Amino acid sequence: MGEEKQKDANKSQFIFGKKNYKFMFIGLACIALGFILMSGGGSDDPNVFNPEIFHWRRIRLAPMLVLLGFGIEMYAILLNPEK
């Protein structure tokens, strides 16, 4: 009987539950999508200005997606999986 209790005590337990990991992956996807939307808009020639760098997608949408992703990550960490 004593060995069975030790085996149960030695079993590795995950810190987070399945629900936490699901929200973490959703948050990570939002962050990655935000950084993908932020990329581009540069010019091949450094002497030519490309106004595409100031597009609303890079200035407004992408940073908001990144912040939303970080908010989802914080929620996933603080979420109690047992409720």
PDB file of N, CA and C in Angstrom:
ATOM      1  N   MET A   1       0.814  -1.199   0.000  1.00  0.00           N
ATOM      2  CA  MET A   1       0.000   0.000   0.000  1.00  0.00           C
ATOM      3  C   MET A   1       0.854   1.258   0.000  1.00  0.00           C
ATOM      4  N   GLY A   2       1.968   1.265   0.704  1.00  0.00           N
ATOM      5  CA  GLY A   2       2.812   2.445   0.783  1.00  0.00           C
ATOM      6  C   GLY A   2       3.428   2.805  -0.555  1.00  0.00           C
ATOM      7  N   GLU A   3       3.756   1.786  -1.375  1.00  0.00           N
ATOM      8  CA  GLU A   3       4.359   2.037  -2.677  1.00  0.00           C
ATOM      9  C   GLU A   3       3.360   2.680  -3.635  1.00  0.00           C
ATOM     10  N   GLU A   4       2.098   2.299  -3.547  1.00  0.00           N
ATOM     11  CA  GLU A   4       1.086   2.878  -4.419  1.00  0.00           C
ATOM     12  C   GLU A   4       0.883   4.357  -4.113  1.00  0.00           C
ATOM     13  N   LYS A   5       0.927   4.719  -2.848  1.00  0.00           N
ATOM     14  CA  LYS A   5       0.785   6.127  -2.487  1.00  0.00           C
ATOM     15  C   LYS A   5       1.966   6.940  -2.999  1.00  0.00           C
ATOM     16  N   GLN A   6       3.171   6.357  -2.947  1.00  0.00           N
ATOM     17  CA  GLN A   6       4.343   7.064  -3.449  1.00  0.00           C
ATOM     18  C   GLN A   6       4.266   7.235  -4.964  1.00  0.00           C
ATOM     19  N   LYS A   7       3.756   6.229  -5.666  1.00  0.00           N
ATOM     20  CA  LYS A   7       3.620   6.338  -7.116  1.00  0.00           C
ATOM     21  C   LYS A   7       2.609   7.422  -7.470  1.00  0.00           C
ATOM     22  N   ASP A   8       1.512   7.500  -6.723  1.00  0.00           N
ATOM     23  CA  ASP A   8       0.518   8.538  -6.974  1.00  0.00           C
ATOM     24  C   ASP A   8       1.098   9.915  -6.693  1.00  0.00           C
ATOM     25  N   ALA A   9       1.916  10.028  -5.676  1.00  0.00           N
ATOM     26  CA  ALA A   9       2.516  11.308  -5.316  1.00  0.00           C
ATOM     27  C   ALA A   9       3.574  11.709  -6.339  1.00  0.00           C
ATOM     28  N   ASN A  10       4.232  10.755  -6.985  1.00  0.00           N
ATOM     29  CA  ASN A  10       5.290  11.040  -7.941  1.00  0.00           C
ATOM     30  C   ASN A  10       4.771  11.308  -9.352  1.00  0.00           C
ATOM     31  N   LYS A  11       3.499  11.048  -9.602  1.00  0.00           N
ATOM     32  CA  LYS A  11       2.945  11.305 -10.926  1.00  0.00           C
ATOM     33  C   LYS A  11       3.037  12.791 -11.223  1.00  0.00           C
ATOM     34  N   SER A  12       3.451  13.094 -12.452  1.00  0.00           N
ATOM     35  CA  SER A  12       3.547  14.508 -12.817  1.00  0.00           C
ATOM     36  C   SER A  12       2.150  15.051 -13.114  1.00  0.00           C
ATOM     37  N   GLN A  13       1.903  16.211 -12.589  1.00  0.00           N
ATOM     38  CA  GLN A  13       0.622  16.867 -12.803  1.00  0.00           C
ATOM     39  C   GLN A  13       0.884  18.161 -13.557  1.00  0.00           C
ATOM     40  N   PHE A  14       0.013  18.448 -14.515  1.00  0.00           N
ATOM     41  CA  PHE A  14       0.130  19.696 -15.247  1.00  0.00           C
ATOM     42  C   PHE A  14      -0.367  20.850 -14.386  1.00  0.00           C
ATOM     43  N   ILE A  15       0.262  21.977 -14.538  1.00  0.00           N
ATOM     44  CA  ILE A  15      -0.138  23.150 -13.766  1.00  0.00           C
ATOM     45  C   ILE A  15      -1.483  23.662 -14.256  1.00  0.00           C
ATOM     46  N   PHE A  16      -1.668  23.650 -15.576  1.00  0.00           N
ATOM     47  CA  PHE A  16      -2.891  24.165 -16.167  1.00  0.00           C
ATOM     48  C   PHE A  16      -3.744  23.020 -16.681  1.00  0.00           C
ATOM     49  N   GLY A  17      -5.028  23.295 -16.833  1.00  0.00           N
ATOM     50  CA  GLY A  17      -5.952  22.314 -17.376  1.00  0.00           C
ATOM     51  C   GLY A  17      -6.105  22.466 -18.886  1.00  0.00           C
ATOM     52  N   LYS A  18      -6.934  21.633 -19.450  1.00  0.00           N
ATOM     53  CA  LYS A  18      -7.155  21.640 -20.898  1.00  0.00           C
ATOM     54  C   LYS A  18      -7.737  22.976 -21.361  1.00  0.00           C
ATOM     55  N   LYS A  19      -8.613  23.531 -20.550  1.00  0.00           N
ATOM     56  CA  LYS A  19      -9.245  24.810 -20.887  1.00  0.00           C
ATOM     57  C   LYS A  19      -8.206  25.941 -20.932  1.00  0.00           C
ATOM     58  N   ASN A  20      -7.258  25.911 -19.987  1.00  0.00           N
ATOM     59  CA  ASN A  20      -6.205  26.925 -19.959  1.00  0.00           C
ATOM     60  C   ASN A  20      -5.359  26.873 -21.227  1.00  0.00           C
ATOM     61  N   TYR A  21      -4.969  25.675 -21.615  1.00  0.00           N
ATOM     62  CA  TYR A  21      -4.137  25.526 -22.800  1.00  0.00           C
ATOM     63  C   TYR A  21      -4.876  25.945 -24.064  1.00  0.00           C
ATOM     64  N   LYS A  22      -6.173  25.695 -24.119  1.00  0.00           N
ATOM     65  CA  LYS A  22      -6.966  26.104 -25.277  1.00  0.00           C
ATOM     66  C   LYS A  22      -6.944  27.621 -25.415  1.00  0.00           C
ATOM     67  N   PHE A  23      -7.158  28.324 -24.301  1.00  0.00           N
ATOM     68  CA  PHE A  23      -7.118  29.784 -24.351  1.00  0.00           C
ATOM     69  C   PHE A  23      -5.705  30.294 -24.639  1.00  0.00           C
ATOM     70  N   MET A  24      -4.696  29.598 -24.144  1.00  0.00           N
ATOM     71  CA  MET A  24      -3.317  30.014 -24.427  1.00  0.00           C
ATOM     72  C   MET A  24      -3.000  29.926 -25.915  1.00  0.00           C
ATOM     73  N   PHE A  25      -3.449  28.862 -26.566  1.00  0.00           N
ATOM     74  CA  PHE A  25      -3.198  28.729 -27.997  1.00  0.00           C
ATOM     75  C   PHE A  25      -3.989  29.756 -28.804  1.00  0.00           C
ATOM     76  N   ILE A  26      -5.196  30.087 -28.360  1.00  0.00           N
ATOM     77  CA  ILE A  26      -5.971  31.135 -29.026  1.00  0.00           C
ATOM     78  C   ILE A  26      -5.259  32.482 -28.889  1.00  0.00           C
ATOM     79  N   GLY A  27      -4.766  32.783 -27.694  1.00  0.00           N
ATOM     80  CA  GLY A  27      -4.029  34.027 -27.482  1.00  0.00           C
ATOM     81  C   GLY A  27      -2.753  34.078 -28.297  1.00  0.00           C
ATOM     82  N   LEU A  28      -2.055  32.955 -28.372  1.00  0.00           N
ATOM     83  CA  LEU A  28      -0.822  32.899 -29.161  1.00  0.00           C
ATOM     84  C   LEU A  28      -1.117  33.110 -30.643  1.00  0.00           C
ATOM     85  N   ALA A  29      -2.223  32.562 -31.125  1.00  0.00           N
ATOM     86  CA  ALA A  29      -2.611  32.757 -32.522  1.00  0.00           C
ATOM     87  C   ALA A  29      -2.942  34.223 -32.794  1.00  0.00           C
ATOM     88  N   CYS A  30      -3.608  34.898 -31.854  1.00  0.00           N
ATOM     89  CA  CYS A  30      -3.917  36.327 -32.021  1.00  0.00           C
ATOM     90  C   CYS A  30      -2.643  37.159 -32.069  1.00  0.00           C
ATOM     91  N   ILE A  31      -1.694  36.840 -31.208  1.00  0.00           N
ATOM     92  CA  ILE A  31      -0.422  37.570 -31.195  1.00  0.00           C
ATOM     93  C   ILE A  31       0.331  37.350 -32.502  1.00  0.00           C
ATOM     94  N   ALA A  32       0.398  36.111 -32.958  1.00  0.00           N
ATOM     95  CA  ALA A  32       1.108  35.809 -34.203  1.00  0.00           C
ATOM     96  C   ALA A  32       0.434  36.502 -35.391  1.00  0.00           C
ATOM     97  N   LEU A  33      -0.895  36.483 -35.446  1.00  0.00           N
ATOM     98  CA  LEU A  33      -1.613  37.143 -36.532  1.00  0.00           C
ATOM     99  C   LEU A  33      -1.359  38.647 -36.513  1.00  0.00           C
ATOM    100  N   GLY A  34      -1.318  39.237 -35.325  1.00  0.00           N
ATOM    101  CA  GLY A  34      -1.038  40.666 -35.210  1.00  0.00           C
ATOM    102  C   GLY A  34       0.337  41.015 -35.742  1.00  0.00           C
ATOM    103  N   PHE A  35       1.341  40.210 -35.425  1.00  0.00           N
ATOM    104  CA  PHE A  35       2.688  40.493 -35.928  1.00  0.00           C
ATOM    105  C   PHE A  35       2.788  40.250 -37.427  1.00  0.00           C
ATOM    106  N   ILE A  36       2.048  39.273 -37.937  1.00  0.00           N
ATOM    107  CA  ILE A  36       2.044  39.040 -39.389  1.00  0.00           C
ATOM    108  C   ILE A  36       1.410  40.226 -40.107  1.00  0.00           C
ATOM    109  N   LEU A  37       0.305  40.749 -39.561  1.00  0.00           N
ATOM    110  CA  LEU A  37      -0.348  41.905 -40.178  1.00  0.00           C
ATOM    111  C   LEU A  37       0.504  43.164 -40.075  1.00  0.00           C
ATOM    112  N   MET A  38       1.377  43.242 -39.081  1.00  0.00           N
ATOM    113  CA  MET A  38       2.237  44.401 -38.910  1.00  0.00           C
ATOM    114  C   MET A  38       3.389  44.432 -39.906  1.00  0.00           C
ATOM    115  N   SER A  39       3.738  43.289 -40.449  1.00  0.00           N
ATOM    116  CA  SER A  39       4.913  43.219 -41.325  1.00  0.00           C
ATOM    117  C   SER A  39       4.619  43.794 -42.701  1.00  0.00           C
ATOM    118  N   GLY A  40       5.681  44.092 -43.432  1.00  0.00           N
ATOM    119  CA  GLY A  40       5.558  44.590 -44.797  1.00  0.00           C
ATOM    120  C   GLY A  40       5.452  46.098 -44.853  1.00  0.00           C
ATOM    121  N   GLY A  41       5.182  46.588 -46.047  1.00  0.00           N
ATOM    122  CA  GLY A  41       5.005  48.025 -46.231  1.00  0.00           C
ATOM    123  C   GLY A  41       6.291  48.778 -46.457  1.00  0.00           C
ATOM    124  N   GLY A  42       7.399  48.070 -46.516  1.00  0.00           N
ATOM    125  CA  GLY A  42       8.679  48.730 -46.744  1.00  0.00           C
ATOM    126  C   GLY A  42       8.909  48.988 -48.219  1.00  0.00           C
ATOM    127  N   SER A  43      10.003  49.655 -48.515  1.00  0.00           N
ATOM    128  CA  SER A  43      10.355  49.959 -49.888  1.00  0.00           C
ATOM    129  C   SER A  43      11.677  49.282 -50.215  1.00  0.00           C
ATOM    130  N   ASP A  44      11.819  48.821 -51.448  1.00  0.00           N
ATOM    131  CA  ASP A  44      13.077  48.195 -51.869  1.00  0.00           C
ATOM    132  C   ASP A  44      14.175  49.234 -52.038  1.00  0.00           C
ATOM    133  N   ASP A  45      13.803  50.402 -52.464  1.00  0.00           N
ATOM    134  CA  ASP A  45      14.755  51.490 -52.666  1.00  0.00           C
ATOM    135  C   ASP A  45      14.697  52.419 -51.454  1.00  0.00           C
ATOM    136  N   PRO A  46      15.805  52.615 -50.734  1.00  0.00           N
ATOM    137  CA  PRO A  46      15.758  53.475 -49.535  1.00  0.00           C
ATOM    138  C   PRO A  46      15.529  54.951 -49.847  1.00  0.00           C
ATOM    139  N   ASN A  47      15.658  55.367 -51.117  1.00  0.00           N
ATOM    140  CA  ASN A  47      15.440  56.766 -51.473  1.00  0.00           C
ATOM    141  C   ASN A  47      13.986  57.067 -51.817  1.00  0.00           C
ATOM    142  N   VAL A  48      13.149  56.032 -51.876  1.00  0.00           N
ATOM    143  CA  VAL A  48      11.738  56.207 -52.238  1.00  0.00           C
ATOM    144  C   VAL A  48      10.882  55.941 -51.008  1.00  0.00           C
ATOM    145  N   PHE A  49       9.999  56.896 -50.710  1.00  0.00           N
ATOM    146  CA  PHE A  49       9.101  56.742 -49.557  1.00  0.00           C
ATOM    147  C   PHE A  49       7.860  55.981 -49.983  1.00  0.00           C
ATOM    148  N   ASN A  50       7.466  54.999 -49.178  1.00  0.00           N
ATOM    149  CA  ASN A  50       6.261  54.219 -49.455  1.00  0.00           C
ATOM    150  C   ASN A  50       5.227  54.549 -48.371  1.00  0.00           C
ATOM    151  N   PRO A  51       4.145  55.238 -48.728  1.00  0.00           N
ATOM    152  CA  PRO A  51       3.142  55.605 -47.703  1.00  0.00           C
ATOM    153  C   PRO A  51       2.334  54.410 -47.192  1.00  0.00           C
ATOM    154  N   GLU A  52       2.528  53.243 -47.779  1.00  0.00           N
ATOM    155  CA  GLU A  52       1.813  52.037 -47.351  1.00  0.00           C
ATOM    156  C   GLU A  52       2.191  51.640 -45.915  1.00  0.00           C
ATOM    157  N   ILE A  53       3.302  52.149 -45.422  1.00  0.00           N
ATOM    158  CA  ILE A  53       3.729  51.822 -44.057  1.00  0.00           C
ATOM    159  C   ILE A  53       2.755  52.390 -43.025  1.00  0.00           C
ATOM    160  N   PHE A  54       2.013  53.428 -43.400  1.00  0.00           N
ATOM    161  CA  PHE A  54       1.060  54.043 -42.478  1.00  0.00           C
ATOM    162  C   PHE A  54      -0.370  53.578 -42.728  1.00  0.00           C
ATOM    163  N   HIS A  55      -0.545  52.415 -43.287  1.00  0.00           N
ATOM    164  CA  HIS A  55      -1.873  51.858 -43.557  1.00  0.00           C
ATOM    165  C   HIS A  55      -2.560  51.539 -42.229  1.00  0.00           C
ATOM    166  N   TRP A  56      -3.888  51.609 -42.184  1.00  0.00           N
ATOM    167  CA  TRP A  56      -4.647  51.405 -40.939  1.00  0.00           C
ATOM    168  C   TRP A  56      -4.426  50.005 -40.371  1.00  0.00           C
ATOM    169  N   ARG A  57      -4.142  49.052 -41.242  1.00  0.00           N
ATOM    170  CA  ARG A  57      -3.920  47.677 -40.786  1.00  0.00           C
ATOM    171  C   ARG A  57      -2.675  47.584 -39.901  1.00  0.00           C
ATOM    172  N   ARG A  58      -1.623  48.318 -40.269  1.00  0.00           N
ATOM    173  CA  ARG A  58      -0.374  48.281 -39.489  1.00  0.00           C
ATOM    174  C   ARG A  58      -0.421  49.190 -38.266  1.00  0.00           C
ATOM    175  N   ILE A  59      -1.179  50.254 -38.352  1.00  0.00           N
ATOM    176  CA  ILE A  59      -1.208  51.241 -37.273  1.00  0.00           C
ATOM    177  C   ILE A  59      -2.272  50.923 -36.224  1.00  0.00           C
ATOM    178  N   ARG A  60      -3.413  50.415 -36.630  1.00  0.00           N
ATOM    179  CA  ARG A  60      -4.534  50.194 -35.700  1.00  0.00           C
ATOM    180  C   ARG A  60      -4.850  48.726 -35.447  1.00  0.00           C
ATOM    181  N   LEU A  61      -5.080  47.981 -36.501  1.00  0.00           N
ATOM    182  CA  LEU A  61      -5.577  46.612 -36.370  1.00  0.00           C
ATOM    183  C   LEU A  61      -4.539  45.677 -35.745  1.00  0.00           C
ATOM    184  N   ALA A  62      -3.336  45.688 -36.271  1.00  0.00           N
ATOM    185  CA  ALA A  62      -2.316  44.744 -35.806  1.00  0.00           C
ATOM    186  C   ALA A  62      -1.948  44.955 -34.331  1.00  0.00           C
ATOM    187  N   PRO A  63      -1.684  46.183 -33.878  1.00  0.00           N
ATOM    188  CA  PRO A  63      -1.392  46.351 -32.444  1.00  0.00           C
ATOM    189  C   PRO A  63      -2.550  45.962 -31.532  1.00  0.00           C
ATOM    190  N   MET A  64      -3.777  46.214 -31.976  1.00  0.00           N
ATOM    191  CA  MET A  64      -4.926  45.819 -31.161  1.00  0.00           C
ATOM    192  C   MET A  64      -5.043  44.301 -31.068  1.00  0.00           C
ATOM    193  N   LEU A  65      -4.728  43.594 -32.147  1.00  0.00           N
ATOM    194  CA  LEU A  65      -4.736  42.126 -32.106  1.00  0.00           C
ATOM    195  C   LEU A  65      -3.665  41.601 -31.152  1.00  0.00           C
ATOM    196  N   VAL A  66      -2.491  42.230 -31.165  1.00  0.00           N
ATOM    197  CA  VAL A  66      -1.425  41.808 -30.264  1.00  0.00           C
ATOM    198  C   VAL A  66      -1.842  42.042 -28.811  1.00  0.00           C
ATOM    199  N   LEU A  67      -2.403  43.203 -28.519  1.00  0.00           N
ATOM    200  CA  LEU A  67      -2.851  43.486 -27.152  1.00  0.00           C
ATOM    201  C   LEU A  67      -3.990  42.555 -26.733  1.00  0.00           C
ATOM    202  N   LEU A  68      -4.899  42.270 -27.648  1.00  0.00           N
ATOM    203  CA  LEU A  68      -5.976  41.324 -27.362  1.00  0.00           C
ATOM    204  C   LEU A  68      -5.397  39.938 -27.057  1.00  0.00           C
ATOM    205  N   GLY A  69      -4.397  39.539 -27.823  1.00  0.00           N
ATOM    206  CA  GLY A  69      -3.754  38.247 -27.590  1.00  0.00           C
ATOM    207  C   GLY A  69      -3.092  38.177 -26.220  1.00  0.00           C
ATOM    208  N   PHE A  70      -2.428  39.264 -25.814  1.00  0.00           N
ATOM    209  CA  PHE A  70      -1.818  39.287 -24.483  1.00  0.00           C
ATOM    210  C   PHE A  70      -2.879  39.254 -23.386  1.00  0.00           C
ATOM    211  N   GLY A  71      -4.008  39.914 -23.619  1.00  0.00           N
ATOM    212  CA  GLY A  71      -5.108  39.858 -22.660  1.00  0.00           C
ATOM    213  C   GLY A  71      -5.672  38.450 -22.529  1.00  0.00           C
ATOM    214  N   ILE A  72      -5.813  37.753 -23.645  1.00  0.00           N
ATOM    215  CA  ILE A  72      -6.287  36.368 -23.605  1.00  0.00           C
ATOM    216  C   ILE A  72      -5.286  35.483 -22.883  1.00  0.00           C
ATOM    217  N   GLU A  73      -3.998  35.733 -23.081  1.00  0.00           N
ATOM    218  CA  GLU A  73      -2.964  34.958 -22.384  1.00  0.00           C
ATOM    219  C   GLU A  73      -3.056  35.162 -20.868  1.00  0.00           C
ATOM    220  N   MET A  74      -3.249  36.396 -20.441  1.00  0.00           N
ATOM    221  CA  MET A  74      -3.377  36.652 -19.001  1.00  0.00           C
ATOM    222  C   MET A  74      -4.618  35.961 -18.444  1.00  0.00           C
ATOM    223  N   TYR A  75      -5.717  36.002 -19.190  1.00  0.00           N
ATOM    224  CA  TYR A  75      -6.932  35.323 -18.764  1.00  0.00           C
ATOM    225  C   TYR A  75      -6.699  33.816 -18.650  1.00  0.00           C
ATOM    226  N   ALA A  76      -5.981  33.259 -19.617  1.00  0.00           N
ATOM    227  CA  ALA A  76      -5.709  31.816 -19.611  1.00  0.00           C
ATOM    228  C   ALA A  76      -4.858  31.413 -18.415  1.00  0.00           C
ATOM    229  N   ILE A  77      -3.924  32.266 -18.034  1.00  0.00           N
ATOM    230  CA  ILE A  77      -3.069  31.950 -16.885  1.00  0.00           C
ATOM    231  C   ILE A  77      -3.866  32.041 -15.590  1.00  0.00           C
ATOM    232  N   LEU A  78      -4.739  33.043 -15.475  1.00  0.00           N
ATOM    233  CA  LEU A  78      -5.486  33.242 -14.235  1.00  0.00           C
ATOM    234  C   LEU A  78      -6.744  32.382 -14.125  1.00  0.00           C
ATOM    235  N   LEU A  79      -7.139  31.728 -15.204  1.00  0.00           N
ATOM    236  CA  LEU A  79      -8.352  30.920 -15.214  1.00  0.00           C
ATOM    237  C   LEU A  79      -8.181  29.690 -14.320  1.00  0.00           C
ATOM    238  N   ASN A  80      -9.192  29.453 -13.501  1.00  0.00           N
ATOM    239  CA  ASN A  80      -9.174  28.259 -12.645  1.00  0.00           C
ATOM    240  C   ASN A  80      -9.813  27.113 -13.419  1.00  0.00           C
ATOM    241  N   PRO A  81      -9.030  26.083 -13.768  1.00  0.00           N
ATOM    242  CA  PRO A  81      -9.572  25.006 -14.616  1.00  0.00           C
ATOM    243  C   PRO A  81     -10.561  24.100 -13.898  1.00  0.00           C
ATOM    244  N   GLU A  82     -10.642  24.183 -12.600  1.00  0.00           N
ATOM    245  CA  GLU A  82     -11.506  23.280 -11.854  1.00  0.00           C
ATOM    246  C   GLU A  82     -12.917  23.785 -11.703  1.00  0.00           C
ATOM    247  N   LYS A  83     -13.198  24.986 -12.143  1.00  0.00           N
ATOM    248  CA  LYS A  83     -14.564  25.529 -12.019  1.00  0.00           C
ATOM    249  C   LYS A  83     -15.364  25.188 -13.252  1.00  0.00           C
TER     250      LYS A  83
END
